[in-house]
């Protein structure tokens, strides 16, 4: 039933999103382009938290590593975009592995605290090396994915669909089931013969790959890389809220939450600072009274766990 409901929701939504450029302007397409990249961030985060049970408070560390490596290679050495994106994704995986190996040895809130400290360290490194990284102002990127909003939209849309398909398939594979068992009861999973640490490290590296690649594509869309756009803690908070709003342990729900969050912030922009309060209040209500999130409750898989 859950699979049928997923298909009935996803298939029409994808058709509508594919046809949107025929009926909306460049401004809306630009908003959705950012939302789709945010969706990949959130889906990647949900694989680690929703299934492996590890709370990563610093998703912007992985995003920032991938984005800045890609940006620096293009800015200083003129590498082509595909090569920059590949190197950024690999750098995010390496950085994630270096962070995860010692962090996964800890339990409770310590893993989350380490990932949060990693974000602060990356911010300081970027600011202290402003001569190279551009500091808080950021660094310009000579190349961009495209100057056409429709083309950029389809780049982001296609990337989100492919990434979502891979992550969703992985979450439903034997690896995903082992991650889910490890997240619910690591001791019991280990007693059954599963290598819990190895599977969680694998999940972290997969999350890092997609986060780094999406971070690189985002900055090549925006034409600049800065702390505020890819490394700031607020970026990570939005990713986490989007994933929780959409529905933990659904993967695809993270995309729903991201689009809702970006859209709600834009619609409420005339309210000024009050817009943040309204969106935060809605998020709080959903988390408190509908813990399964939008998609989780729709599939009847939500609930307190």
C-alpha atoms as a PDB file:
ATOM      1  CA  UNK A   1       0.000   0.000   0.000  1.00  0.00           C
ATOM      2  CA  UNK A   2       2.839   2.378   0.869  1.00  0.00           C
ATOM      3  CA  UNK A   3       4.482   1.697  -2.498  1.00  0.00           C
ATOM      4  CA  UNK A   4       1.214   2.364  -4.351  1.00  0.00           C
ATOM      5  CA  UNK A   5       0.669   5.587  -2.422  1.00  0.00           C
ATOM      6  CA  UNK A   6       4.246   6.650  -3.157  1.00  0.00           C
ATOM      7  CA  UNK A   7       3.755   6.066  -6.885  1.00  0.00           C
ATOM      8  CA  UNK A   8       0.397   7.861  -6.904  1.00  0.00           C
ATOM      9  CA  UNK A   9       2.030  10.885  -5.294  1.00  0.00           C
ATOM     10  CA  UNK A  10       5.395  10.951  -7.057  1.00  0.00           C
ATOM     11  CA  UNK A  11       4.387  10.220 -10.653  1.00  0.00           C
ATOM     12  CA  UNK A  12       1.893  13.113 -11.064  1.00  0.00           C
ATOM     13  CA  UNK A  13       4.217  15.453  -9.153  1.00  0.00           C
ATOM     14  CA  UNK A  14       7.114  14.703 -11.508  1.00  0.00           C
ATOM     15  CA  UNK A  15       4.926  15.241 -14.556  1.00  0.00           C
ATOM     16  CA  UNK A  16       3.757  18.607 -13.229  1.00  0.00           C
ATOM     17  CA  UNK A  17       7.303  19.694 -12.369  1.00  0.00           C
ATOM     18  CA  UNK A  18       8.557  18.660 -15.813  1.00  0.00           C
ATOM     19  CA  UNK A  19       5.857  20.784 -17.468  1.00  0.00           C
ATOM     20  CA  UNK A  20       6.214  23.823 -15.182  1.00  0.00           C
ATOM     21  CA  UNK A  21       8.578  25.753 -17.490  1.00  0.00           C
ATOM     22  CA  UNK A  22       5.720  25.944 -19.994  1.00  0.00           C
ATOM     23  CA  UNK A  23       3.550  27.945 -17.628  1.00  0.00           C
ATOM     24  CA  UNK A  24       5.690  29.903 -15.139  1.00  0.00           C
ATOM     25  CA  UNK A  25       8.293  32.616 -15.391  1.00  0.00           C
ATOM     26  CA  UNK A  26      12.008  32.666 -14.724  1.00  0.00           C
ATOM     27  CA  UNK A  27      11.597  33.935 -11.163  1.00  0.00           C
ATOM     28  CA  UNK A  28       9.563  30.898 -10.071  1.00  0.00           C
ATOM     29  CA  UNK A  29      11.914  28.576 -11.935  1.00  0.00           C
ATOM     30  CA  UNK A  30      14.847  30.124 -10.072  1.00  0.00           C
ATOM     31  CA  UNK A  31      13.186  29.514  -6.705  1.00  0.00           C
ATOM     32  CA  UNK A  32      12.433  25.906  -7.617  1.00  0.00           C
ATOM     33  CA  UNK A  33      15.989  25.397  -8.856  1.00  0.00           C
ATOM     34  CA  UNK A  34      17.320  26.278  -5.413  1.00  0.00           C
ATOM     35  CA  UNK A  35      14.584  24.163  -3.809  1.00  0.00           C
ATOM     36  CA  UNK A  36      15.595  21.113  -5.849  1.00  0.00           C
ATOM     37  CA  UNK A  37      19.232  21.372  -4.773  1.00  0.00           C
ATOM     38  CA  UNK A  38      18.075  21.816  -1.179  1.00  0.00           C
ATOM     39  CA  UNK A  39      15.961  18.695  -1.674  1.00  0.00           C
ATOM     40  CA  UNK A  40      19.085  16.680  -2.482  1.00  0.00           C
ATOM     41  CA  UNK A  41      20.757  18.031   0.671  1.00  0.00           C
ATOM     42  CA  UNK A  42      17.728  17.007   2.731  1.00  0.00           C
ATOM     43  CA  UNK A  43      17.356  13.561   1.143  1.00  0.00           C
ATOM     44  CA  UNK A  44      21.036  12.865   1.781  1.00  0.00           C
ATOM     45  CA  UNK A  45      20.632  13.951   5.404  1.00  0.00           C
ATOM     46  CA  UNK A  46      17.571  11.718   5.840  1.00  0.00           C
ATOM     47  CA  UNK A  47      19.556   8.642   4.775  1.00  0.00           C
ATOM     48  CA  UNK A  48      21.924   9.179   7.689  1.00  0.00           C
ATOM     49  CA  UNK A  49      19.415  10.298  10.316  1.00  0.00           C
ATOM     50  CA  UNK A  50      16.235   8.530   9.288  1.00  0.00           C
ATOM     51  CA  UNK A  51      17.801   5.143   8.684  1.00  0.00           C
ATOM     52  CA  UNK A  52      21.178   5.054  10.438  1.00  0.00           C
ATOM     53  CA  UNK A  53      19.846   6.998  13.424  1.00  0.00           C
ATOM     54  CA  UNK A  54      22.804   9.388  13.539  1.00  0.00           C
ATOM     55  CA  UNK A  55      21.927  13.054  14.023  1.00  0.00           C
ATOM     56  CA  UNK A  56      24.177  15.126  11.788  1.00  0.00           C
ATOM     57  CA  UNK A  57      23.870  18.720  12.985  1.00  0.00           C
ATOM     58  CA  UNK A  58      26.354  19.870  10.373  1.00  0.00           C
ATOM     59  CA  UNK A  59      25.140  18.923   6.883  1.00  0.00           C
ATOM     60  CA  UNK A  60      26.558  22.215   5.650  1.00  0.00           C
ATOM     61  CA  UNK A  61      30.073  20.880   6.373  1.00  0.00           C
ATOM     62  CA  UNK A  62      29.702  18.301   3.612  1.00  0.00           C
ATOM     63  CA  UNK A  63      27.927  20.795   1.358  1.00  0.00           C
ATOM     64  CA  UNK A  64      30.608  23.430   1.944  1.00  0.00           C
ATOM     65  CA  UNK A  65      33.557  21.127   1.306  1.00  0.00           C
ATOM     66  CA  UNK A  66      32.127  20.008  -2.027  1.00  0.00           C
ATOM     67  CA  UNK A  67      31.135  23.529  -3.046  1.00  0.00           C
ATOM     68  CA  UNK A  68      34.401  25.251  -2.131  1.00  0.00           C
ATOM     69  CA  UNK A  69      36.675  22.614  -3.663  1.00  0.00           C
ATOM     70  CA  UNK A  70      34.719  22.892  -6.921  1.00  0.00           C
ATOM     71  CA  UNK A  71      34.747  26.707  -6.739  1.00  0.00           C
ATOM     72  CA  UNK A  72      38.478  27.009  -6.061  1.00  0.00           C
ATOM     73  CA  UNK A  73      39.412  24.628  -8.879  1.00  0.00           C
ATOM     74  CA  UNK A  74      37.332  26.611 -11.341  1.00  0.00           C
ATOM     75  CA  UNK A  75      38.318  30.060 -10.075  1.00  0.00           C
ATOM     76  CA  UNK A  76      42.098  29.585  -9.920  1.00  0.00           C
ATOM     77  CA  UNK A  77      42.842  26.842 -12.427  1.00  0.00           C
ATOM     78  CA  UNK A  78      39.929  27.082 -14.808  1.00  0.00           C
ATOM     79  CA  UNK A  79      38.998  23.424 -14.570  1.00  0.00           C
ATOM     80  CA  UNK A  80      35.860  22.457 -16.496  1.00  0.00           C
ATOM     81  CA  UNK A  81      32.652  22.181 -14.517  1.00  0.00           C
ATOM     82  CA  UNK A  82      32.316  18.352 -14.692  1.00  0.00           C
ATOM     83  CA  UNK A  83      35.847  17.882 -13.324  1.00  0.00           C
ATOM     84  CA  UNK A  84      35.243  20.439 -10.573  1.00  0.00           C
ATOM     85  CA  UNK A  85      31.997  18.740  -9.569  1.00  0.00           C
ATOM     86  CA  UNK A  86      33.632  15.325  -9.462  1.00  0.00           C
ATOM     87  CA  UNK A  87      36.526  16.582  -7.335  1.00  0.00           C
ATOM     88  CA  UNK A  88      34.133  18.420  -5.024  1.00  0.00           C
ATOM     89  CA  UNK A  89      32.058  15.281  -4.483  1.00  0.00           C
ATOM     90  CA  UNK A  90      35.165  13.178  -3.815  1.00  0.00           C
ATOM     91  CA  UNK A  91      36.517  15.818  -1.416  1.00  0.00           C
ATOM     92  CA  UNK A  92      33.204  15.772   0.473  1.00  0.00           C
ATOM     93  CA  UNK A  93      33.393  11.980   0.760  1.00  0.00           C
ATOM     94  CA  UNK A  94      36.974  12.131   2.037  1.00  0.00           C
ATOM     95  CA  UNK A  95      36.124  14.918   4.478  1.00  0.00           C
ATOM     96  CA  UNK A  96      33.047  13.032   5.610  1.00  0.00           C
ATOM     97  CA  UNK A  97      35.005   9.820   6.147  1.00  0.00           C
ATOM     98  CA  UNK A  98      37.709  11.628   8.120  1.00  0.00           C
ATOM     99  CA  UNK A  99      34.981  13.164  10.279  1.00  0.00           C
ATOM    100  CA  UNK A 100      32.847  10.042  10.623  1.00  0.00           C
ATOM    101  CA  UNK A 101      35.521   7.485  11.546  1.00  0.00           C
ATOM    102  CA  UNK A 102      36.247   8.956  15.001  1.00  0.00           C
ATOM    103  CA  UNK A 103      32.728  10.393  15.452  1.00  0.00           C
ATOM    104  CA  UNK A 104      30.963   7.058  14.968  1.00  0.00           C
ATOM    105  CA  UNK A 105      32.910   5.630  17.891  1.00  0.00           C
ATOM    106  CA  UNK A 106      30.895   7.919  20.146  1.00  0.00           C
ATOM    107  CA  UNK A 107      27.280   7.542  21.183  1.00  0.00           C
ATOM    108  CA  UNK A 108      24.452   9.829  22.208  1.00  0.00           C
ATOM    109  CA  UNK A 109      24.703  13.525  21.316  1.00  0.00           C
ATOM    110  CA  UNK A 110      28.462  13.518  20.810  1.00  0.00           C
ATOM    111  CA  UNK A 111      28.271  12.553  17.135  1.00  0.00           C
ATOM    112  CA  UNK A 112      25.984  15.509  16.467  1.00  0.00           C
ATOM    113  CA  UNK A 113      28.217  17.873  18.424  1.00  0.00           C
ATOM    114  CA  UNK A 114      31.277  16.815  16.412  1.00  0.00           C
ATOM    115  CA  UNK A 115      29.498  17.497  13.118  1.00  0.00           C
ATOM    116  CA  UNK A 116      28.405  20.910  14.415  1.00  0.00           C
ATOM    117  CA  UNK A 117      31.966  21.796  15.462  1.00  0.00           C
ATOM    118  CA  UNK A 118      33.165  20.720  12.004  1.00  0.00           C
ATOM    119  CA  UNK A 119      30.928  23.377  10.438  1.00  0.00           C
ATOM    120  CA  UNK A 120      32.330  26.079  12.721  1.00  0.00           C
ATOM    121  CA  UNK A 121      35.886  25.004  11.909  1.00  0.00           C
ATOM    122  CA  UNK A 122      35.204  25.121   8.174  1.00  0.00           C
ATOM    123  CA  UNK A 123      33.724  28.602   8.532  1.00  0.00           C
ATOM    124  CA  UNK A 124      36.837  29.793  10.394  1.00  0.00           C
ATOM    125  CA  UNK A 125      39.155  28.258   7.804  1.00  0.00           C
ATOM    126  CA  UNK A 126      37.310  30.051   5.003  1.00  0.00           C
ATOM    127  CA  UNK A 127      37.260  33.414   6.816  1.00  0.00           C
ATOM    128  CA  UNK A 128      40.892  33.232   7.976  1.00  0.00           C
ATOM    129  CA  UNK A 129      42.047  32.445   4.441  1.00  0.00           C
ATOM    130  CA  UNK A 130      40.049  35.234   2.847  1.00  0.00           C
ATOM    131  CA  UNK A 131      42.856  35.959   0.395  1.00  0.00           C
ATOM    132  CA  UNK A 132      42.175  32.609  -1.244  1.00  0.00           C
ATOM    133  CA  UNK A 133      38.562  31.829  -0.401  1.00  0.00           C
ATOM    134  CA  UNK A 134      37.103  35.332  -0.488  1.00  0.00           C
ATOM    135  CA  UNK A 135      36.177  35.128   3.187  1.00  0.00           C
ATOM    136  CA  UNK A 136      32.677  36.147   4.156  1.00  0.00           C
ATOM    137  CA  UNK A 137      32.171  38.006   0.879  1.00  0.00           C
ATOM    138  CA  UNK A 138      32.703  34.863  -1.156  1.00  0.00           C
ATOM    139  CA  UNK A 139      34.512  33.907  -4.330  1.00  0.00           C
ATOM    140  CA  UNK A 140      33.302  34.491  -7.879  1.00  0.00           C
ATOM    141  CA  UNK A 141      33.132  31.574 -10.273  1.00  0.00           C
ATOM    142  CA  UNK A 142      34.036  32.178 -13.941  1.00  0.00           C
ATOM    143  CA  UNK A 143      31.828  29.406 -15.322  1.00  0.00           C
ATOM    144  CA  UNK A 144      28.150  28.723 -14.710  1.00  0.00           C
ATOM    145  CA  UNK A 145      25.954  25.796 -15.644  1.00  0.00           C
ATOM    146  CA  UNK A 146      23.817  27.980 -17.925  1.00  0.00           C
ATOM    147  CA  UNK A 147      22.546  31.535 -18.280  1.00  0.00           C
ATOM    148  CA  UNK A 148      19.108  30.257 -19.254  1.00  0.00           C
ATOM    149  CA  UNK A 149      16.698  29.753 -16.324  1.00  0.00           C
ATOM    150  CA  UNK A 150      14.834  26.913 -18.007  1.00  0.00           C
ATOM    151  CA  UNK A 151      18.060  25.012 -18.653  1.00  0.00           C
ATOM    152  CA  UNK A 152      19.182  25.552 -15.066  1.00  0.00           C
ATOM    153  CA  UNK A 153      15.772  24.358 -13.892  1.00  0.00           C
ATOM    154  CA  UNK A 154      16.049  21.098 -15.790  1.00  0.00           C
ATOM    155  CA  UNK A 155      19.627  20.551 -14.572  1.00  0.00           C
ATOM    156  CA  UNK A 156      18.394  20.819 -10.977  1.00  0.00           C
ATOM    157  CA  UNK A 157      15.200  18.852 -11.632  1.00  0.00           C
ATOM    158  CA  UNK A 158      17.035  16.000 -13.356  1.00  0.00           C
ATOM    159  CA  UNK A 159      19.691  15.886 -10.660  1.00  0.00           C
ATOM    160  CA  UNK A 160      17.052  15.767  -7.924  1.00  0.00           C
ATOM    161  CA  UNK A 161      15.131  12.972  -9.661  1.00  0.00           C
ATOM    162  CA  UNK A 162      18.230  10.835 -10.247  1.00  0.00           C
ATOM    163  CA  UNK A 163      19.599  11.446  -6.734  1.00  0.00           C
ATOM    164  CA  UNK A 164      16.214  10.794  -5.157  1.00  0.00           C
ATOM    165  CA  UNK A 165      15.794   7.585  -7.127  1.00  0.00           C
ATOM    166  CA  UNK A 166      19.204   6.294  -6.069  1.00  0.00           C
ATOM    167  CA  UNK A 167      18.778   7.240  -2.416  1.00  0.00           C
ATOM    168  CA  UNK A 168      15.223   5.896  -2.287  1.00  0.00           C
ATOM    169  CA  UNK A 169      16.290   2.617  -3.891  1.00  0.00           C
ATOM    170  CA  UNK A 170      19.199   2.336  -1.504  1.00  0.00           C
ATOM    171  CA  UNK A 171      16.947   2.933   1.502  1.00  0.00           C
ATOM    172  CA  UNK A 172      14.726   0.036   0.391  1.00  0.00           C
ATOM    173  CA  UNK A 173      17.653  -2.297  -0.337  1.00  0.00           C
ATOM    174  CA  UNK A 174      19.194  -4.773   2.142  1.00  0.00           C
ATOM    175  CA  UNK A 175      21.723  -2.075   3.047  1.00  0.00           C
ATOM    176  CA  UNK A 176      18.873   0.278   3.957  1.00  0.00           C
ATOM    177  CA  UNK A 177      17.206  -2.382   6.085  1.00  0.00           C
ATOM    178  CA  UNK A 178      20.465  -3.007   7.941  1.00  0.00           C
ATOM    179  CA  UNK A 179      20.865   0.744   8.490  1.00  0.00           C
ATOM    180  CA  UNK A 180      17.338   0.929   9.827  1.00  0.00           C
ATOM    181  CA  UNK A 181      17.949  -1.963  12.194  1.00  0.00           C
ATOM    182  CA  UNK A 182      21.221  -0.377  13.325  1.00  0.00           C
ATOM    183  CA  UNK A 183      19.519   2.949  13.954  1.00  0.00           C
ATOM    184  CA  UNK A 184      16.765   1.389  16.050  1.00  0.00           C
ATOM    185  CA  UNK A 185      18.937  -0.999  18.080  1.00  0.00           C
ATOM    186  CA  UNK A 186      22.634  -1.092  17.270  1.00  0.00           C
ATOM    187  CA  UNK A 187      23.398  -3.725  19.909  1.00  0.00           C
ATOM    188  CA  UNK A 188      20.812  -6.153  18.590  1.00  0.00           C
ATOM    189  CA  UNK A 189      21.897  -5.527  14.985  1.00  0.00           C
ATOM    190  CA  UNK A 190      25.508  -6.268  15.927  1.00  0.00           C
ATOM    191  CA  UNK A 191      24.389  -9.429  17.753  1.00  0.00           C
ATOM    192  CA  UNK A 192      22.777 -10.590  14.507  1.00  0.00           C
ATOM    193  CA  UNK A 193      26.162 -10.356  12.820  1.00  0.00           C
ATOM    194  CA  UNK A 194      25.877  -7.009  11.043  1.00  0.00           C
ATOM    195  CA  UNK A 195      28.855  -4.658  10.992  1.00  0.00           C
ATOM    196  CA  UNK A 196      27.038  -1.600  12.321  1.00  0.00           C
ATOM    197  CA  UNK A 197      29.999   0.794  12.116  1.00  0.00           C
ATOM    198  CA  UNK A 198      30.767  -0.163   8.523  1.00  0.00           C
ATOM    199  CA  UNK A 199      27.198   0.358   7.357  1.00  0.00           C
ATOM    200  CA  UNK A 200      26.881   3.691   9.159  1.00  0.00           C
ATOM    201  CA  UNK A 201      30.179   4.843   7.649  1.00  0.00           C
ATOM    202  CA  UNK A 202      28.893   3.811   4.233  1.00  0.00           C
ATOM    203  CA  UNK A 203      25.708   5.825   4.794  1.00  0.00           C
ATOM    204  CA  UNK A 204      27.746   8.857   5.852  1.00  0.00           C
ATOM    205  CA  UNK A 205      29.947   8.633   2.744  1.00  0.00           C
ATOM    206  CA  UNK A 206      26.932   8.285   0.442  1.00  0.00           C
ATOM    207  CA  UNK A 207      25.315  11.262   2.140  1.00  0.00           C
ATOM    208  CA  UNK A 208      28.563  13.200   1.742  1.00  0.00           C
ATOM    209  CA  UNK A 209      28.808  12.365  -1.973  1.00  0.00           C
ATOM    210  CA  UNK A 210      25.369  13.658  -2.869  1.00  0.00           C
ATOM    211  CA  UNK A 211      25.675  16.659  -0.521  1.00  0.00           C
ATOM    212  CA  UNK A 212      29.038  17.661  -1.995  1.00  0.00           C
ATOM    213  CA  UNK A 213      27.880  17.170  -5.569  1.00  0.00           C
ATOM    214  CA  UNK A 214      24.697  19.175  -4.955  1.00  0.00           C
ATOM    215  CA  UNK A 215      26.726  21.898  -3.241  1.00  0.00           C
ATOM    216  CA  UNK A 216      28.973  22.146  -6.282  1.00  0.00           C
ATOM    217  CA  UNK A 217      26.043  22.329  -8.690  1.00  0.00           C
ATOM    218  CA  UNK A 218      24.395  25.008  -6.549  1.00  0.00           C
ATOM    219  CA  UNK A 219      27.380  27.336  -6.638  1.00  0.00           C
ATOM    220  CA  UNK A 220      27.805  26.816 -10.401  1.00  0.00           C
ATOM    221  CA  UNK A 221      24.174  27.863 -10.724  1.00  0.00           C
ATOM    222  CA  UNK A 222      24.591  30.923  -8.488  1.00  0.00           C
ATOM    223  CA  UNK A 223      27.971  31.949  -9.872  1.00  0.00           C
ATOM    224  CA  UNK A 224      29.525  32.435  -6.450  1.00  0.00           C
ATOM    225  CA  UNK A 225      30.455  30.485  -3.328  1.00  0.00           C
ATOM    226  CA  UNK A 226      30.164  32.092   0.089  1.00  0.00           C
ATOM    227  CA  UNK A 227      29.810  31.118   3.718  1.00  0.00           C
ATOM    228  CA  UNK A 228      26.238  32.380   3.818  1.00  0.00           C
ATOM    229  CA  UNK A 229      25.075  30.266   0.881  1.00  0.00           C
ATOM    230  CA  UNK A 230      26.668  26.882   1.554  1.00  0.00           C
ATOM    231  CA  UNK A 231      28.433  26.727   4.933  1.00  0.00           C
ATOM    232  CA  UNK A 232      26.377  28.807   7.342  1.00  0.00           C
ATOM    233  CA  UNK A 233      24.694  26.929  10.196  1.00  0.00           C
ATOM    234  CA  UNK A 234      21.350  28.356   9.063  1.00  0.00           C
ATOM    235  CA  UNK A 235      21.758  26.420   5.808  1.00  0.00           C
ATOM    236  CA  UNK A 236      22.106  23.187   7.772  1.00  0.00           C
ATOM    237  CA  UNK A 237      19.127  24.052   9.958  1.00  0.00           C
ATOM    238  CA  UNK A 238      16.938  24.540   6.878  1.00  0.00           C
ATOM    239  CA  UNK A 239      18.077  21.180   5.516  1.00  0.00           C
ATOM    240  CA  UNK A 240      17.185  19.433   8.776  1.00  0.00           C
ATOM    241  CA  UNK A 241      13.797  21.166   9.057  1.00  0.00           C
ATOM    242  CA  UNK A 242      12.977  20.281   5.442  1.00  0.00           C
ATOM    243  CA  UNK A 243      13.771  16.604   6.003  1.00  0.00           C
ATOM    244  CA  UNK A 244      11.756  16.424   9.236  1.00  0.00           C
ATOM    245  CA  UNK A 245       8.807  18.310   7.744  1.00  0.00           C
ATOM    246  CA  UNK A 246       8.715  16.028   4.748  1.00  0.00           C
ATOM    247  CA  UNK A 247       8.897  12.860   6.792  1.00  0.00           C
ATOM    248  CA  UNK A 248      11.731  11.034   8.439  1.00  0.00           C
ATOM    249  CA  UNK A 249      12.725   7.725   6.859  1.00  0.00           C
ATOM    250  CA  UNK A 250      10.917   8.440   3.601  1.00  0.00           C
ATOM    251  CA  UNK A 251      13.764  10.043   1.575  1.00  0.00           C
ATOM    252  CA  UNK A 252      11.262  11.482  -0.907  1.00  0.00           C
ATOM    253  CA  UNK A 253       9.528  13.397   1.877  1.00  0.00           C
ATOM    254  CA  UNK A 254      12.680  15.478   2.258  1.00  0.00           C
ATOM    255  CA  UNK A 255      12.121  16.820  -1.258  1.00  0.00           C
ATOM    256  CA  UNK A 256       8.513  17.726  -0.369  1.00  0.00           C
ATOM    257  CA  UNK A 257       9.707  19.507   2.777  1.00  0.00           C
ATOM    258  CA  UNK A 258      12.388  21.435   0.875  1.00  0.00           C
ATOM    259  CA  UNK A 259       9.992  22.705  -1.771  1.00  0.00           C
ATOM    260  CA  UNK A 260       7.480  23.675   0.917  1.00  0.00           C
ATOM    261  CA  UNK A 261      10.117  25.480   2.981  1.00  0.00           C
ATOM    262  CA  UNK A 262      11.549  27.481   0.076  1.00  0.00           C
ATOM    263  CA  UNK A 263       8.073  28.293  -1.216  1.00  0.00           C
ATOM    264  CA  UNK A 264       6.708  29.314   2.184  1.00  0.00           C
ATOM    265  CA  UNK A 265       9.646  31.624   2.877  1.00  0.00           C
ATOM    266  CA  UNK A 266       9.128  33.326  -0.464  1.00  0.00           C
ATOM    267  CA  UNK A 267       5.354  33.688  -0.145  1.00  0.00           C
ATOM    268  CA  UNK A 268       5.737  35.169   3.332  1.00  0.00           C
ATOM    269  CA  UNK A 269       8.621  37.452   2.373  1.00  0.00           C
ATOM    270  CA  UNK A 270       6.414  40.611   2.583  1.00  0.00           C
ATOM    271  CA  UNK A 271       6.051  39.915   6.318  1.00  0.00           C
ATOM    272  CA  UNK A 272       9.766  40.579   6.815  1.00  0.00           C
ATOM    273  CA  UNK A 273      11.252  39.034   9.946  1.00  0.00           C
ATOM    274  CA  UNK A 274       7.816  37.729  10.865  1.00  0.00           C
ATOM    275  CA  UNK A 275       8.061  35.289   7.952  1.00  0.00           C
ATOM    276  CA  UNK A 276      10.745  33.285   9.737  1.00  0.00           C
ATOM    277  CA  UNK A 277       8.564  33.121  12.829  1.00  0.00           C
ATOM    278  CA  UNK A 278       5.539  31.862  10.876  1.00  0.00           C
ATOM    279  CA  UNK A 279       7.516  29.188   9.030  1.00  0.00           C
ATOM    280  CA  UNK A 280       9.190  28.094  12.268  1.00  0.00           C
ATOM    281  CA  UNK A 281       5.809  27.901  14.012  1.00  0.00           C
ATOM    282  CA  UNK A 282       4.402  25.717  11.239  1.00  0.00           C
ATOM    283  CA  UNK A 283       7.458  23.460  11.443  1.00  0.00           C
ATOM    284  CA  UNK A 284       7.054  23.180  15.218  1.00  0.00           C
ATOM    285  CA  UNK A 285       3.368  22.259  14.927  1.00  0.00           C
ATOM    286  CA  UNK A 286       4.126  19.577  12.338  1.00  0.00           C
ATOM    287  CA  UNK A 287       6.938  18.091  14.404  1.00  0.00           C
ATOM    288  CA  UNK A 288       4.855  18.050  17.597  1.00  0.00           C
ATOM    289  CA  UNK A 289       1.524  16.825  16.248  1.00  0.00           C
ATOM    290  CA  UNK A 290       2.463  15.068  12.998  1.00  0.00           C
ATOM    291  CA  UNK A 291       5.876  13.529  13.733  1.00  0.00           C
ATOM    292  CA  UNK A 292       5.689  11.431  10.581  1.00  0.00           C
ATOM    293  CA  UNK A 293       5.874  14.609   8.497  1.00  0.00           C
ATOM    294  CA  UNK A 294       3.931  15.376   5.332  1.00  0.00           C
ATOM    295  CA  UNK A 295       4.787  12.250   3.366  1.00  0.00           C
ATOM    296  CA  UNK A 296       5.202   9.978   6.377  1.00  0.00           C
ATOM    297  CA  UNK A 297       1.646  10.585   7.544  1.00  0.00           C
ATOM    298  CA  UNK A 298       0.333  10.243   4.005  1.00  0.00           C
ATOM    299  CA  UNK A 299       1.909   6.799   3.717  1.00  0.00           C
ATOM    300  CA  UNK A 300       0.730   5.832   7.224  1.00  0.00           C
ATOM    301  CA  UNK A 301       4.327   5.154   8.190  1.00  0.00           C
ATOM    302  CA  UNK A 302       4.755   8.135  10.514  1.00  0.00           C
ATOM    303  CA  UNK A 303       4.398   8.194  14.239  1.00  0.00           C
ATOM    304  CA  UNK A 304       6.567   8.438  17.287  1.00  0.00           C
ATOM    305  CA  UNK A 305       9.445   6.005  17.264  1.00  0.00           C
END
